[in-house]
Amino acid sequence: MPRGTQRSSRVFKSVLSRAEKELALGSEKAGDFHHNGIRGDERAASLMRFLQSHLPITMAIAKGEAIDFRDKRSGQLDLIIYDKSASAPIFTGGENVLVPAEALYAVIEVKSVLSKDELEKSVEAAKTIRSLRPFKEPFIGPRRDGIAAEDGKCRCAYSIFAYSTNLGATDWLQKEYMRTIGALDAAGAARDVVERVVVLGRGLINPATATGKEITDDNESIFLEYYLHLMNFLSRESARRPQVDWQIYTSRGTGGWKKLSDGS
């Protein structure tokens, strides 16, 4: 059965269209701050607020880090989506959380302006995420060519979400794609470590499949496309993940246990 319908839900489209406009407005307001870091934080917070109210009830979103059983860390990430029903954060600070890799589902790096330098930083972060080992196995890329998902492997969907780009509008989609795969190839990273590059008001790119979509007058919202991709992924991945076994974060035996007698 085809996944889509001949006519999209007007209500659904309207909600996501308003959300995209609110994100753009939030970005404009963030421009009132002089400091680049503050502007970036405000734009990330704007996206987080929307997703927070639309994620599945089992999921949470925050700034922070992920860690695996070897104590390998992801480094600070703008937005992480994790399964709060499977695991509470290992640590919750004033603004950031530390979550086990087993609970990590998606990472969104938020950029005020997408540039070559920002792409390169994101690719390095995506490589680090891919090297984490939830359940003692590394994260894998998207399954392709009909490969079954019953392999017990975990995915973490890594996206770059930019409010603008320093590339001009002429032939933007092709140029942004070439710049993205250039950063991936230069870092020796698989092209699927970054699953989506989204530029609000411009379009989105899937580097692994060498495909992209640019906004035109008759296109549906790019944010709608991205939102659907993210929600579908979270739904499918949550159904596949095993329960978190905290024993993998400790040694096999703590020792010191004695057999006790009940006096009989």
Foldseek 3Di string as FASTA:
>chain_A
DDPDDPDDDPVLLVVLVVLLVQLLVQLVVLVVDPDQVSSQLSSLVSVQVVVQVVAPPQKHKFWEWEAELVRQILPTASMWIFGVVQDPFPDDDPGYTYHYLLGTAEGEHEAAEDDLVVLLVLLVSLVSQQQGQAVHHGADFDDDDPDDPQPQHAHYAYEYEYQYYPDDQVVVVVVVLVSNVVSCVVVVHQQRSHQKYHHRQFWMAGNNVRDIDGDDPPDRGRSSVVVVVVNVSVVVRVVRRDRHDCCSNDDPDPDPDDDDDPPD
